Protein backbone atom coordinates (compact mmCIF):
# COMPACT_ATOMS: atom_id res chain seq x y z
CA MET A 1 -8.85 48.09 27.32
CA GLU A 2 -10.06 48.03 30.86
CA ARG A 3 -13.38 46.99 30.45
CA ASP A 4 -12.36 44.66 28.00
CA GLY A 5 -10.08 42.94 31.09
CA GLN A 6 -12.58 43.11 33.50
CA LEU A 7 -15.08 41.15 30.87
CA ASP A 8 -12.47 38.14 30.40
CA LEU A 9 -12.68 38.17 34.05
CA HIS A 10 -16.04 37.96 34.07
CA ASP A 11 -16.11 35.13 31.23
CA ARG A 12 -13.10 33.51 33.33
CA VAL A 13 -15.12 33.45 36.66
CA ALA A 14 -18.28 32.57 35.27
CA ALA A 15 -17.40 29.51 32.94
CA ARG A 16 -15.19 28.14 36.20
CA LEU A 17 -17.98 28.69 38.62
CA LYS A 18 -19.74 26.66 35.82
CA ASP A 19 -16.83 23.99 36.31
CA ALA A 20 -17.34 24.24 40.12
CA HIS A 21 -20.80 23.81 40.27
CA ARG A 22 -20.59 21.01 38.00
CA THR A 23 -17.11 18.86 40.07
CA VAL A 24 -19.57 19.60 43.41
CA ARG A 25 -22.47 18.14 41.94
CA GLY A 26 -19.80 14.92 40.86
CA LEU A 27 -18.53 14.60 44.01
CA GLN A 28 -19.27 11.08 46.00
CA VAL A 29 -19.80 12.60 49.46
CA PRO A 30 -22.82 12.89 52.03
CA GLU A 31 -25.18 15.38 50.88
CA ASP A 32 -24.64 17.80 53.54
CA VAL A 33 -21.43 18.32 52.11
CA ARG A 34 -22.58 18.69 49.20
CA GLN A 35 -24.84 21.81 50.45
CA ALA A 36 -22.30 23.10 52.31
CA LEU A 37 -19.97 23.56 49.15
CA THR A 38 -23.31 24.30 47.20
CA ARG A 39 -23.70 26.77 49.41
CA ARG A 40 -19.93 28.21 49.15
CA LEU A 41 -20.23 28.41 45.51
CA LEU A 42 -23.54 30.84 45.74
CA VAL A 43 -22.12 33.27 48.10
CA ILE A 44 -18.52 33.04 45.68
CA THR A 45 -21.65 33.94 42.83
CA ALA A 46 -22.91 36.78 44.56
CA ALA A 47 -19.86 38.13 45.62
CA ALA A 48 -18.39 38.18 42.34
CA LYS A 49 -21.48 41.03 41.36
CA ALA A 50 -19.29 43.47 43.97
CA ASP A 51 -15.82 42.36 43.89
CA LEU A 52 -15.02 40.50 40.60
CA PRO A 53 -11.04 39.74 41.00
CA GLY A 54 -11.62 38.68 44.83
CA ALA A 55 -14.36 36.59 44.18
CA ALA A 56 -12.08 34.71 41.70
CA ARG A 57 -9.39 34.49 44.69
CA ARG A 58 -11.95 32.42 46.38
CA LEU A 59 -13.09 30.57 44.00
CA ASP A 60 -9.24 29.26 43.31
CA ARG A 61 -9.09 28.82 47.39
CA LEU A 62 -12.12 26.74 47.63
CA MET A 63 -11.28 24.90 44.52
CA GLU A 64 -7.98 23.98 46.16
CA ASP A 65 -9.69 22.95 48.63
CA VAL A 66 -11.63 20.91 46.64
CA ASP A 67 -9.38 19.29 44.89
CA ALA A 68 -7.01 18.57 48.08
CA GLY A 69 -9.65 16.80 49.74
CA ARG A 70 -9.95 19.49 52.45
CA LEU A 71 -14.11 19.61 52.25
CA PRO A 72 -16.27 20.93 55.03
CA PRO A 73 -17.19 18.17 57.67
CA LEU A 74 -20.47 16.89 58.40
CA GLY A 75 -22.53 18.16 59.65
CA ALA A 76 -21.29 21.73 58.55
CA GLY A 77 -23.56 24.77 58.50
CA GLY A 78 -22.42 28.14 57.26
CA GLY A 79 -22.99 29.96 54.57
CA ASP A 80 -19.80 31.29 53.34
CA ASP A 81 -16.66 30.12 52.29
CA GLY A 82 -14.72 30.34 55.49
CA THR A 83 -12.26 33.27 54.09
CA PRO A 84 -12.67 36.95 55.46
């Protein structure tokens, strides 16, 4: 039964990641901001392989920030999603 729950979580996270990428592509922001957000999504995607629940939480936080307009500043580099 727990395995079914893990598969359900996997499916939900995968669908949400797909939607998040679509959302980021559609943002009217400078290209370097879009690239920083895309890198954060890729980090979350990679993290999902080892820690699916943690990746789901990180994705929640990222999309809450995007929805609230809290975007990386121009010239933001990095490569992680800013969470410990």
